Every structure is written in structure tokens, then in C-alpha cells.
Amino acid sequence: MRLLRIPLLILALVGLIAVAGCGGDDSTDSSDSSSSEALSNEEYAQQAQAILLEFGTSFQQLGTEISNSKNPDQFSQLVDEAESEIQGAIDDFSALQPPPDAQEGHDQTLSALENFSSKLTDVSEAADSGDNQALVEAAQALQQAGLEFQSELTQAAQKLEDAGIQIGGSSTDSTTG
């Protein structure tokens, strides 16, 4: 279990990345508008931020718990919870109808979540198998996937910003467009 602590700290870091990328300035007061109509830039930004902030916060906590797990059963259970969290974020995010200009950034964010989820599934399956070597390899691959996830989220955030959508309030107070 000790070999996995450092690679699995990436789960906590991924949670931090998601939280930091979302900022925390505005409270979200999203209405239940689940039509197939595209959201406005502001509605999309608020709803996307709410989804990613909730995911990032819970995923960060789970990452910390996973890195501190004391036995294989606890580890496996927590990884399963992390899988459930990321799947919930994928489901919620894919249900959003982005403005047309934001579709590329939206798709890239969704792809980043799905790619990271598949690596997390590999860790879960390895943990359930009881094969320690497979678990170590999956955890190491997860560490690399976490770095790729960060890069993909950064690129997606830039595409969304280019489309006039600011998820969070990280740098500038851009004009409304």
C-alpha cells in the first residue's frame, strides 16, 4: 500500500486543479432548464462552474482519503467512490447544452473527464483483482493521466474563454460579450 501513496496523491491534486480552475467567487443559482436549447454564456458558465466545483471539492477529499487508506479493502472502496464522483460529473457536464461557440471547449472538458475516468477504472479493477503489480502500474499510469488531465482542462478553459465564457474568476474581469 505504501508504494501507492505518492501516485495516488494525484487524486487530491486533480481535485485541487478542478477547484482552482473554477474559482469560488459566485454562488450558483441555476434554474432547472433541461431543454435541448443552448444555454447563454452566463448560464453555461454558472452551471459548468457548479458541476466542476462540486466535483473538484469531493474529489479532492476522496484523493486525500485514498492516499491515507490503511488497507486494500478501504482503498478499493474509496477508489470506487472516486469513480462514482467522476462519472457523476461526466453525466452532469454532458447534460449541459453549451452555446455554439463553446462547443469545442465543452467537448474537450468532457473528454478530459472521460479520459481520466478510464485510468481511474483501471486502478479500481487492479485493486479488485488483488494483483499488486497491476495495481502499482495502474496507479503510476493514473499519475501520468492526472498531468494530462490538468493540461486538457487548461486547454479547454482557454477555448471556453476564447468563446467568451469565463468559468471561475481566475484572472481578468473580461467584458460581457
N, C-alpha and C. Protein backbone atom coordinates (compact mmCIF):
# COMPACT_ATOMS: atom_id res chain seq x y z
N MET A 1 0.82 -1.19 0.00
CA MET A 1 0.00 0.00 0.00
C MET A 1 0.87 1.26 0.00
N ARG A 2 2.02 1.18 0.61
CA ARG A 2 2.87 2.34 0.74
C ARG A 2 3.33 2.88 -0.62
N LEU A 3 3.58 1.98 -1.57
CA LEU A 3 4.02 2.40 -2.89
C LEU A 3 2.96 3.24 -3.60
N LEU A 4 1.72 3.07 -3.22
CA LEU A 4 0.64 3.75 -3.92
C LEU A 4 0.38 5.15 -3.38
N ARG A 5 0.88 5.48 -2.23
CA ARG A 5 0.54 6.76 -1.62
C ARG A 5 0.95 7.95 -2.47
N ILE A 6 2.16 7.95 -2.98
CA ILE A 6 2.60 9.10 -3.77
C ILE A 6 1.82 9.20 -5.07
N PRO A 7 1.72 8.11 -5.88
CA PRO A 7 0.93 8.25 -7.10
C PRO A 7 -0.52 8.62 -6.84
N LEU A 8 -1.08 8.16 -5.75
CA LEU A 8 -2.49 8.45 -5.51
C LEU A 8 -2.72 9.84 -4.93
N LEU A 9 -1.67 10.50 -4.53
CA LEU A 9 -1.84 11.90 -4.16
C LEU A 9 -2.32 12.71 -5.35
N ILE A 10 -2.10 12.15 -6.56
CA ILE A 10 -2.58 12.83 -7.75
C ILE A 10 -4.09 13.03 -7.71
N LEU A 11 -4.81 12.12 -7.06
CA LEU A 11 -6.26 12.30 -6.93
C LEU A 11 -6.57 13.58 -6.19
N ALA A 12 -5.86 13.81 -5.12
CA ALA A 12 -6.07 15.05 -4.37
C ALA A 12 -5.69 16.26 -5.22
N LEU A 13 -4.60 16.12 -5.96
CA LEU A 13 -4.16 17.22 -6.81
C LEU A 13 -5.16 17.51 -7.92
N VAL A 14 -5.71 16.46 -8.51
CA VAL A 14 -6.72 16.64 -9.55
C VAL A 14 -7.92 17.38 -8.99
N GLY A 15 -8.30 17.03 -7.77
CA GLY A 15 -9.39 17.76 -7.12
C GLY A 15 -9.06 19.22 -6.95
N LEU A 16 -7.83 19.50 -6.56
CA LEU A 16 -7.40 20.89 -6.41
C LEU A 16 -7.41 21.62 -7.74
N ILE A 17 -6.98 20.92 -8.79
CA ILE A 17 -6.97 21.52 -10.13
C ILE A 17 -8.39 21.92 -10.52
N ALA A 18 -9.32 21.02 -10.33
CA ALA A 18 -10.70 21.31 -10.70
C ALA A 18 -11.26 22.46 -9.88
N VAL A 19 -10.96 22.48 -8.59
CA VAL A 19 -11.45 23.56 -7.73
C VAL A 19 -10.79 24.88 -8.12
N ALA A 20 -9.48 24.88 -8.31
CA ALA A 20 -8.77 26.11 -8.66
C ALA A 20 -9.22 26.64 -10.01
N GLY A 21 -9.49 25.75 -10.93
CA GLY A 21 -9.93 26.16 -12.25
C GLY A 21 -11.31 26.78 -12.25
N CYS A 22 -12.06 26.54 -11.21
CA CYS A 22 -13.43 27.05 -11.15
C CYS A 22 -13.54 28.34 -10.38
N GLY A 23 -12.56 28.70 -9.63
CA GLY A 23 -12.69 29.88 -8.79
C GLY A 23 -13.71 29.62 -7.71
N GLY A 24 -14.11 30.63 -7.01
CA GLY A 24 -15.11 30.43 -5.98
C GLY A 24 -15.86 31.70 -5.71
N ASP A 25 -15.81 32.65 -6.66
CA ASP A 25 -16.38 33.95 -6.44
C ASP A 25 -17.90 33.96 -6.34
N ASP A 26 -18.56 33.37 -7.31
CA ASP A 26 -20.01 33.47 -7.39
C ASP A 26 -20.69 32.24 -6.85
N SER A 27 -21.79 32.47 -6.15
CA SER A 27 -22.66 31.35 -5.79
C SER A 27 -23.50 31.05 -7.00
N THR A 28 -23.76 29.78 -7.22
CA THR A 28 -24.56 29.44 -8.38
C THR A 28 -26.01 29.32 -7.98
N ASP A 29 -26.85 29.92 -8.76
CA ASP A 29 -28.29 29.87 -8.55
C ASP A 29 -28.89 29.42 -9.86
N SER A 30 -28.64 28.17 -10.20
CA SER A 30 -29.05 27.69 -11.52
C SER A 30 -30.48 27.20 -11.50
N SER A 31 -31.18 27.55 -12.55
CA SER A 31 -32.55 27.07 -12.67
C SER A 31 -32.55 25.72 -13.35
N ASP A 32 -33.65 25.01 -13.22
CA ASP A 32 -33.74 23.67 -13.78
C ASP A 32 -34.25 23.76 -15.22
N SER A 33 -33.37 24.18 -16.11
CA SER A 33 -33.72 24.35 -17.51
C SER A 33 -33.02 23.27 -18.32
N SER A 34 -33.65 22.12 -18.44
CA SER A 34 -33.03 20.96 -19.07
C SER A 34 -33.53 20.75 -20.49
N SER A 35 -33.82 21.82 -21.19
CA SER A 35 -34.29 21.67 -22.56
C SER A 35 -33.09 21.43 -23.48
N SER A 36 -33.39 21.21 -24.75
CA SER A 36 -32.31 20.97 -25.70
C SER A 36 -31.80 22.29 -26.28
N GLU A 37 -32.28 23.40 -25.76
CA GLU A 37 -31.84 24.70 -26.19
C GLU A 37 -30.49 25.03 -25.58
N ALA A 38 -29.63 25.65 -26.38
CA ALA A 38 -28.31 26.03 -25.87
C ALA A 38 -28.46 27.09 -24.78
N LEU A 39 -27.61 26.98 -23.79
CA LEU A 39 -27.59 27.95 -22.69
C LEU A 39 -26.90 29.23 -23.15
N SER A 40 -27.19 30.32 -22.47
CA SER A 40 -26.44 31.55 -22.71
C SER A 40 -25.04 31.36 -22.14
N ASN A 41 -24.13 32.23 -22.52
CA ASN A 41 -22.77 32.14 -21.99
C ASN A 41 -22.77 32.18 -20.47
N GLU A 42 -23.56 33.09 -19.90
CA GLU A 42 -23.59 33.24 -18.44
C GLU A 42 -24.19 32.01 -17.77
N GLU A 43 -25.30 31.50 -18.31
CA GLU A 43 -25.92 30.30 -17.73
C GLU A 43 -24.98 29.10 -17.81
N TYR A 44 -24.35 28.97 -18.97
CA TYR A 44 -23.42 27.85 -19.15
C TYR A 44 -22.26 27.96 -18.16
N ALA A 45 -21.69 29.15 -18.04
CA ALA A 45 -20.56 29.34 -17.12
C ALA A 45 -20.96 29.01 -15.69
N GLN A 46 -22.14 29.46 -15.27
CA GLN A 46 -22.59 29.20 -13.90
C GLN A 46 -22.80 27.71 -13.66
N GLN A 47 -23.47 27.05 -14.60
CA GLN A 47 -23.76 25.63 -14.41
C GLN A 47 -22.50 24.77 -14.52
N ALA A 48 -21.63 25.09 -15.47
CA ALA A 48 -20.38 24.33 -15.60
C ALA A 48 -19.53 24.52 -14.36
N GLN A 49 -19.45 25.76 -13.86
CA GLN A 49 -18.67 26.02 -12.66
C GLN A 49 -19.23 25.24 -11.48
N ALA A 50 -20.54 25.20 -11.33
CA ALA A 50 -21.15 24.48 -10.21
C ALA A 50 -20.80 23.00 -10.27
N ILE A 51 -20.88 22.41 -11.46
CA ILE A 51 -20.57 20.99 -11.63
C ILE A 51 -19.11 20.72 -11.30
N LEU A 52 -18.22 21.51 -11.89
CA LEU A 52 -16.79 21.26 -11.69
C LEU A 52 -16.34 21.57 -10.27
N LEU A 53 -16.94 22.58 -9.65
CA LEU A 53 -16.59 22.91 -8.28
C LEU A 53 -17.01 21.80 -7.33
N GLU A 54 -18.23 21.29 -7.51
CA GLU A 54 -18.71 20.19 -6.67
C GLU A 54 -17.82 18.96 -6.85
N PHE A 55 -17.53 18.64 -8.11
CA PHE A 55 -16.66 17.51 -8.41
C PHE A 55 -15.28 17.71 -7.79
N GLY A 56 -14.69 18.85 -8.02
CA GLY A 56 -13.34 19.11 -7.52
C GLY A 56 -13.24 19.03 -6.02
N THR A 57 -14.22 19.57 -5.33
CA THR A 57 -14.22 19.55 -3.87
C THR A 57 -14.31 18.12 -3.33
N SER A 58 -15.27 17.36 -3.84
CA SER A 58 -15.43 15.99 -3.33
C SER A 58 -14.28 15.10 -3.78
N PHE A 59 -13.76 15.33 -4.99
CA PHE A 59 -12.67 14.50 -5.50
C PHE A 59 -11.39 14.78 -4.72
N GLN A 60 -11.18 16.02 -4.34
CA GLN A 60 -10.01 16.37 -3.54
C GLN A 60 -10.06 15.64 -2.19
N GLN A 61 -11.22 15.66 -1.57
CA GLN A 61 -11.39 14.98 -0.28
C GLN A 61 -11.16 13.48 -0.43
N LEU A 62 -11.74 12.88 -1.48
CA LEU A 62 -11.55 11.45 -1.71
C LEU A 62 -10.09 11.12 -1.98
N GLY A 63 -9.41 11.97 -2.74
CA GLY A 63 -8.00 11.75 -3.03
C GLY A 63 -7.17 11.70 -1.76
N THR A 64 -7.47 12.60 -0.83
CA THR A 64 -6.77 12.61 0.45
C THR A 64 -7.08 11.34 1.23
N GLU A 65 -8.34 10.94 1.25
CA GLU A 65 -8.72 9.71 1.96
C GLU A 65 -8.06 8.49 1.34
N ILE A 66 -8.00 8.45 0.00
CA ILE A 66 -7.37 7.32 -0.68
C ILE A 66 -5.89 7.25 -0.34
N SER A 67 -5.21 8.39 -0.38
CA SER A 67 -3.78 8.37 -0.09
C SER A 67 -3.49 7.99 1.35
N ASN A 68 -4.47 8.15 2.24
CA ASN A 68 -4.30 7.78 3.65
C ASN A 68 -4.93 6.44 4.00
N SER A 69 -5.44 5.72 3.00
CA SER A 69 -6.11 4.45 3.30
C SER A 69 -5.13 3.46 3.92
N LYS A 70 -5.65 2.67 4.83
CA LYS A 70 -4.81 1.78 5.64
C LYS A 70 -4.81 0.34 5.17
N ASN A 71 -5.80 -0.06 4.38
CA ASN A 71 -5.86 -1.45 3.94
C ASN A 71 -6.46 -1.54 2.54
N PRO A 72 -6.24 -2.66 1.86
CA PRO A 72 -6.72 -2.80 0.48
C PRO A 72 -8.23 -2.65 0.32
N ASP A 73 -9.01 -3.12 1.29
CA ASP A 73 -10.46 -3.01 1.18
C ASP A 73 -10.91 -1.55 1.23
N GLN A 74 -10.34 -0.79 2.16
CA GLN A 74 -10.67 0.62 2.27
C GLN A 74 -10.24 1.36 1.00
N PHE A 75 -9.05 1.04 0.52
CA PHE A 75 -8.52 1.64 -0.69
C PHE A 75 -9.48 1.40 -1.86
N SER A 76 -9.87 0.15 -2.04
CA SER A 76 -10.75 -0.23 -3.15
C SER A 76 -12.10 0.48 -3.06
N GLN A 77 -12.65 0.55 -1.86
CA GLN A 77 -13.94 1.21 -1.66
C GLN A 77 -13.84 2.70 -2.01
N LEU A 78 -12.76 3.35 -1.57
CA LEU A 78 -12.60 4.77 -1.84
C LEU A 78 -12.37 5.05 -3.32
N VAL A 79 -11.62 4.17 -4.00
CA VAL A 79 -11.42 4.34 -5.44
C VAL A 79 -12.75 4.19 -6.17
N ASP A 80 -13.58 3.25 -5.71
CA ASP A 80 -14.91 3.10 -6.30
C ASP A 80 -15.75 4.36 -6.10
N GLU A 81 -15.63 4.98 -4.93
CA GLU A 81 -16.35 6.23 -4.68
C GLU A 81 -15.84 7.33 -5.61
N ALA A 82 -14.52 7.37 -5.82
CA ALA A 82 -13.95 8.37 -6.72
C ALA A 82 -14.46 8.15 -8.15
N GLU A 83 -14.55 6.89 -8.55
CA GLU A 83 -15.11 6.56 -9.87
C GLU A 83 -16.53 7.08 -10.00
N SER A 84 -17.31 6.88 -8.96
CA SER A 84 -18.70 7.33 -8.95
C SER A 84 -18.77 8.86 -9.05
N GLU A 85 -17.89 9.55 -8.34
CA GLU A 85 -17.86 11.02 -8.38
C GLU A 85 -17.56 11.53 -9.78
N ILE A 86 -16.54 10.95 -10.41
CA ILE A 86 -16.17 11.45 -11.74
C ILE A 86 -17.26 11.11 -12.75
N GLN A 87 -17.90 9.95 -12.59
CA GLN A 87 -18.99 9.60 -13.51
C GLN A 87 -20.16 10.55 -13.34
N GLY A 88 -20.44 10.94 -12.11
CA GLY A 88 -21.50 11.93 -11.87
C GLY A 88 -21.19 13.26 -12.55
N ALA A 89 -19.92 13.68 -12.47
CA ALA A 89 -19.51 14.92 -13.12
C ALA A 89 -19.63 14.80 -14.64
N ILE A 90 -19.25 13.64 -15.17
CA ILE A 90 -19.37 13.41 -16.61
C ILE A 90 -20.83 13.48 -17.03
N ASP A 91 -21.70 12.81 -16.29
CA ASP A 91 -23.13 12.81 -16.61
C ASP A 91 -23.71 14.22 -16.56
N ASP A 92 -23.39 14.95 -15.48
CA ASP A 92 -23.92 16.30 -15.32
C ASP A 92 -23.38 17.24 -16.40
N PHE A 93 -22.08 17.14 -16.69
CA PHE A 93 -21.46 18.03 -17.66
C PHE A 93 -21.96 17.73 -19.07
N SER A 94 -22.14 16.45 -19.37
CA SER A 94 -22.61 16.11 -20.72
C SER A 94 -24.07 16.53 -20.93
N ALA A 95 -24.82 16.72 -19.86
CA ALA A 95 -26.21 17.16 -19.97
C ALA A 95 -26.32 18.65 -20.28
N LEU A 96 -25.24 19.40 -20.08
CA LEU A 96 -25.27 20.83 -20.39
C LEU A 96 -25.36 21.04 -21.90
N GLN A 97 -26.07 22.08 -22.31
CA GLN A 97 -26.15 22.46 -23.72
C GLN A 97 -25.35 23.75 -23.89
N PRO A 98 -24.09 23.63 -24.30
CA PRO A 98 -23.26 24.83 -24.39
C PRO A 98 -23.68 25.75 -25.53
N PRO A 99 -23.36 27.03 -25.42
CA PRO A 99 -23.56 27.92 -26.55
C PRO A 99 -22.73 27.40 -27.73
N PRO A 100 -23.14 27.65 -28.96
CA PRO A 100 -22.41 27.11 -30.11
C PRO A 100 -20.91 27.40 -30.10
N ASP A 101 -20.52 28.61 -29.73
CA ASP A 101 -19.09 28.96 -29.72
C ASP A 101 -18.30 28.21 -28.66
N ALA A 102 -18.99 27.66 -27.69
CA ALA A 102 -18.32 26.97 -26.58
C ALA A 102 -18.28 25.46 -26.75
N GLN A 103 -18.84 24.96 -27.84
CA GLN A 103 -18.95 23.51 -28.02
C GLN A 103 -17.58 22.82 -27.96
N GLU A 104 -16.58 23.39 -28.61
CA GLU A 104 -15.26 22.76 -28.64
C GLU A 104 -14.65 22.67 -27.24
N GLY A 105 -14.72 23.75 -26.47
CA GLY A 105 -14.20 23.73 -25.10
C GLY A 105 -14.99 22.78 -24.21
N HIS A 106 -16.29 22.74 -24.42
CA HIS A 106 -17.16 21.83 -23.66
C HIS A 106 -16.76 20.38 -23.95
N ASP A 107 -16.63 20.06 -25.23
CA ASP A 107 -16.27 18.70 -25.62
C ASP A 107 -14.90 18.31 -25.09
N GLN A 108 -13.97 19.25 -25.08
CA GLN A 108 -12.62 18.97 -24.58
C GLN A 108 -12.65 18.74 -23.06
N THR A 109 -13.45 19.49 -22.34
CA THR A 109 -13.59 19.27 -20.90
C THR A 109 -14.18 17.90 -20.63
N LEU A 110 -15.21 17.56 -21.37
CA LEU A 110 -15.86 16.25 -21.22
C LEU A 110 -14.88 15.13 -21.54
N SER A 111 -14.11 15.30 -22.59
CA SER A 111 -13.11 14.30 -22.98
C SER A 111 -12.05 14.13 -21.89
N ALA A 112 -11.63 15.24 -21.29
CA ALA A 112 -10.63 15.18 -20.21
C ALA A 112 -11.19 14.37 -19.03
N LEU A 113 -12.43 14.63 -18.67
CA LEU A 113 -13.05 13.88 -17.58
C LEU A 113 -13.15 12.39 -17.91
N GLU A 114 -13.56 12.09 -19.14
CA GLU A 114 -13.70 10.69 -19.54
C GLU A 114 -12.36 9.96 -19.60
N ASN A 115 -11.33 10.64 -20.11
CA ASN A 115 -10.00 10.02 -20.18
C ASN A 115 -9.47 9.71 -18.78
N PHE A 116 -9.64 10.65 -17.87
CA PHE A 116 -9.16 10.42 -16.51
C PHE A 116 -9.98 9.32 -15.84
N SER A 117 -11.26 9.30 -16.12
CA SER A 117 -12.13 8.27 -15.56
C SER A 117 -11.69 6.88 -15.98
N SER A 118 -11.27 6.73 -17.23
CA SER A 118 -10.85 5.40 -17.69
C SER A 118 -9.60 4.93 -16.95
N LYS A 119 -8.69 5.84 -16.63
CA LYS A 119 -7.50 5.46 -15.87
C LYS A 119 -7.87 5.12 -14.42
N LEU A 120 -8.83 5.83 -13.89
CA LEU A 120 -9.30 5.53 -12.54
C LEU A 120 -9.96 4.16 -12.50
N THR A 121 -10.69 3.82 -13.55
CA THR A 121 -11.30 2.50 -13.66
C THR A 121 -10.23 1.42 -13.67
N ASP A 122 -9.12 1.68 -14.36
CA ASP A 122 -8.01 0.71 -14.38
C ASP A 122 -7.48 0.47 -12.97
N VAL A 123 -7.36 1.53 -12.18
CA VAL A 123 -6.88 1.39 -10.80
C VAL A 123 -7.89 0.58 -9.99
N SER A 124 -9.15 0.87 -10.17
CA SER A 124 -10.19 0.15 -9.44
C SER A 124 -10.17 -1.34 -9.78
N GLU A 125 -10.07 -1.65 -11.06
CA GLU A 125 -10.04 -3.05 -11.48
C GLU A 125 -8.80 -3.76 -10.94
N ALA A 126 -7.66 -3.07 -10.96
CA ALA A 126 -6.43 -3.66 -10.43
C ALA A 126 -6.55 -3.89 -8.93
N ALA A 127 -7.15 -2.94 -8.22
CA ALA A 127 -7.33 -3.09 -6.77
C ALA A 127 -8.25 -4.27 -6.47
N ASP A 128 -9.31 -4.40 -7.25
CA ASP A 128 -10.25 -5.50 -7.04
C ASP A 128 -9.63 -6.86 -7.38
N SER A 129 -8.66 -6.87 -8.30
CA SER A 129 -8.05 -8.14 -8.73
C SER A 129 -7.11 -8.72 -7.67
N GLY A 130 -6.59 -7.86 -6.80
CA GLY A 130 -5.63 -8.33 -5.80
C GLY A 130 -4.22 -8.47 -6.35
N ASP A 131 -4.00 -8.11 -7.60
CA ASP A 131 -2.68 -8.17 -8.23
C ASP A 131 -1.92 -6.89 -7.91
N ASN A 132 -0.99 -6.98 -6.97
CA ASN A 132 -0.27 -5.79 -6.52
C ASN A 132 0.53 -5.13 -7.63
N GLN A 133 1.15 -5.92 -8.50
CA GLN A 133 1.94 -5.35 -9.59
C GLN A 133 1.03 -4.56 -10.55
N ALA A 134 -0.11 -5.13 -10.87
CA ALA A 134 -1.06 -4.44 -11.75
C ALA A 134 -1.55 -3.15 -11.09
N LEU A 135 -1.73 -3.19 -9.78
CA LEU A 135 -2.19 -2.02 -9.05
C LEU A 135 -1.14 -0.91 -9.07
N VAL A 136 0.11 -1.28 -8.86
CA VAL A 136 1.19 -0.28 -8.90
C VAL A 136 1.28 0.34 -10.29
N GLU A 137 1.20 -0.50 -11.32
CA GLU A 137 1.27 0.02 -12.70
C GLU A 137 0.09 0.93 -13.01
N ALA A 138 -1.10 0.54 -12.58
CA ALA A 138 -2.28 1.36 -12.83
C ALA A 138 -2.19 2.69 -12.07
N ALA A 139 -1.66 2.66 -10.86
CA ALA A 139 -1.52 3.88 -10.07
C ALA A 139 -0.50 4.81 -10.72
N GLN A 140 0.57 4.25 -11.26
CA GLN A 140 1.57 5.07 -11.95
C GLN A 140 0.98 5.68 -13.22
N ALA A 141 0.19 4.90 -13.95
CA ALA A 141 -0.47 5.42 -15.15
C ALA A 141 -1.47 6.52 -14.77
N LEU A 142 -2.09 6.37 -13.60
CA LEU A 142 -3.03 7.38 -13.13
C LEU A 142 -2.31 8.69 -12.85
N GLN A 143 -1.10 8.59 -12.35
CA GLN A 143 -0.32 9.80 -12.08
C GLN A 143 -0.08 10.56 -13.38
N GLN A 144 0.33 9.86 -14.43
CA GLN A 144 0.54 10.50 -15.73
C GLN A 144 -0.79 11.04 -16.27
N ALA A 145 -1.85 10.27 -16.08
CA ALA A 145 -3.17 10.71 -16.54
C ALA A 145 -3.60 11.99 -15.83
N GLY A 146 -3.22 12.13 -14.57
CA GLY A 146 -3.54 13.35 -13.83
C GLY A 146 -2.87 14.57 -14.42
N LEU A 147 -1.63 14.40 -14.86
CA LEU A 147 -0.92 15.50 -15.51
C LEU A 147 -1.57 15.85 -16.85
N GLU A 148 -1.95 14.82 -17.59
CA GLU A 148 -2.64 15.05 -18.87
C GLU A 148 -4.00 15.70 -18.64
N PHE A 149 -4.68 15.28 -17.58
CA PHE A 149 -5.97 15.85 -17.22
C PHE A 149 -5.83 17.34 -16.96
N GLN A 150 -4.81 17.71 -16.21
CA GLN A 150 -4.57 19.12 -15.92
C GLN A 150 -4.34 19.90 -17.21
N SER A 151 -3.53 19.36 -18.09
CA SER A 151 -3.23 20.02 -19.35
C SER A 151 -4.49 20.15 -20.21
N GLU A 152 -5.28 19.09 -20.29
CA GLU A 152 -6.51 19.12 -21.09
C GLU A 152 -7.50 20.13 -20.53
N LEU A 153 -7.63 20.19 -19.20
CA LEU A 153 -8.55 21.16 -18.59
C LEU A 153 -8.09 22.59 -18.85
N THR A 154 -6.78 22.81 -18.81
CA THR A 154 -6.25 24.15 -19.08
C THR A 154 -6.56 24.56 -20.51
N GLN A 155 -6.35 23.64 -21.46
CA GLN A 155 -6.65 23.93 -22.86
C GLN A 155 -8.14 24.17 -23.07
N ALA A 156 -8.97 23.36 -22.43
CA ALA A 156 -10.42 23.52 -22.55
C ALA A 156 -10.86 24.86 -21.98
N ALA A 157 -10.30 25.23 -20.84
CA ALA A 157 -10.64 26.51 -20.22
C ALA A 157 -10.27 27.67 -21.14
N GLN A 158 -9.14 27.55 -21.83
CA GLN A 158 -8.73 28.59 -22.76
C GLN A 158 -9.71 28.67 -23.94
N LYS A 159 -10.14 27.52 -24.43
CA LYS A 159 -11.11 27.52 -25.54
C LYS A 159 -12.43 28.15 -25.09
N LEU A 160 -12.85 27.84 -23.88
CA LEU A 160 -14.09 28.43 -23.37
C LEU A 160 -13.92 29.94 -23.20
N GLU A 161 -12.76 30.35 -22.70
CA GLU A 161 -12.50 31.78 -22.53
C GLU A 161 -12.50 32.48 -23.88
N ASP A 162 -11.89 31.83 -24.89
CA ASP A 162 -11.89 32.39 -26.24
C ASP A 162 -13.31 32.54 -26.79
N ALA A 163 -14.22 31.69 -26.32
CA ALA A 163 -15.62 31.74 -26.75
C ALA A 163 -16.42 32.73 -25.90
N GLY A 164 -15.75 33.42 -24.98
CA GLY A 164 -16.42 34.42 -24.16
C GLY A 164 -17.02 33.87 -22.88
N ILE A 165 -16.57 32.68 -22.49
CA ILE A 165 -17.10 32.06 -21.28
C ILE A 165 -15.99 31.95 -20.26
N GLN A 166 -16.22 32.55 -19.11
CA GLN A 166 -15.25 32.52 -18.02
C GLN A 166 -15.78 31.59 -16.95
N ILE A 167 -15.13 30.43 -16.80
CA ILE A 167 -15.53 29.51 -15.74
C ILE A 167 -14.66 29.83 -14.56
N GLY A 168 -15.23 30.48 -13.58
CA GLY A 168 -14.45 30.93 -12.44
C GLY A 168 -14.03 32.36 -12.70
N GLY A 169 -13.25 32.89 -11.81
CA GLY A 169 -12.81 34.26 -11.96
C GLY A 169 -11.33 34.36 -11.77
N SER A 170 -10.59 33.49 -12.45
CA SER A 170 -9.18 33.36 -12.14
C SER A 170 -8.33 34.56 -12.50
N SER A 171 -8.51 35.19 -13.68
CA SER A 171 -7.54 36.22 -14.00
C SER A 171 -8.16 37.57 -14.29
N THR A 172 -8.93 37.70 -15.36
CA THR A 172 -9.39 39.02 -15.74
C THR A 172 -10.88 39.17 -15.55
N ASP A 173 -11.29 40.41 -15.41
CA ASP A 173 -12.71 40.75 -15.37
C ASP A 173 -13.09 41.16 -16.78
N SER A 174 -13.24 40.20 -17.67
CA SER A 174 -13.46 40.50 -19.08
C SER A 174 -14.83 41.14 -19.29
N THR A 175 -14.95 41.79 -20.43
CA THR A 175 -16.21 42.43 -20.74
C THR A 175 -17.24 41.40 -21.16
N THR A 176 -18.47 41.75 -20.99
CA THR A 176 -19.55 40.83 -21.35
C THR A 176 -19.74 40.88 -22.85
N GLY A 177 -19.84 39.69 -23.46
CA GLY A 177 -19.93 39.72 -24.91
C GLY A 177 -20.98 38.88 -25.34
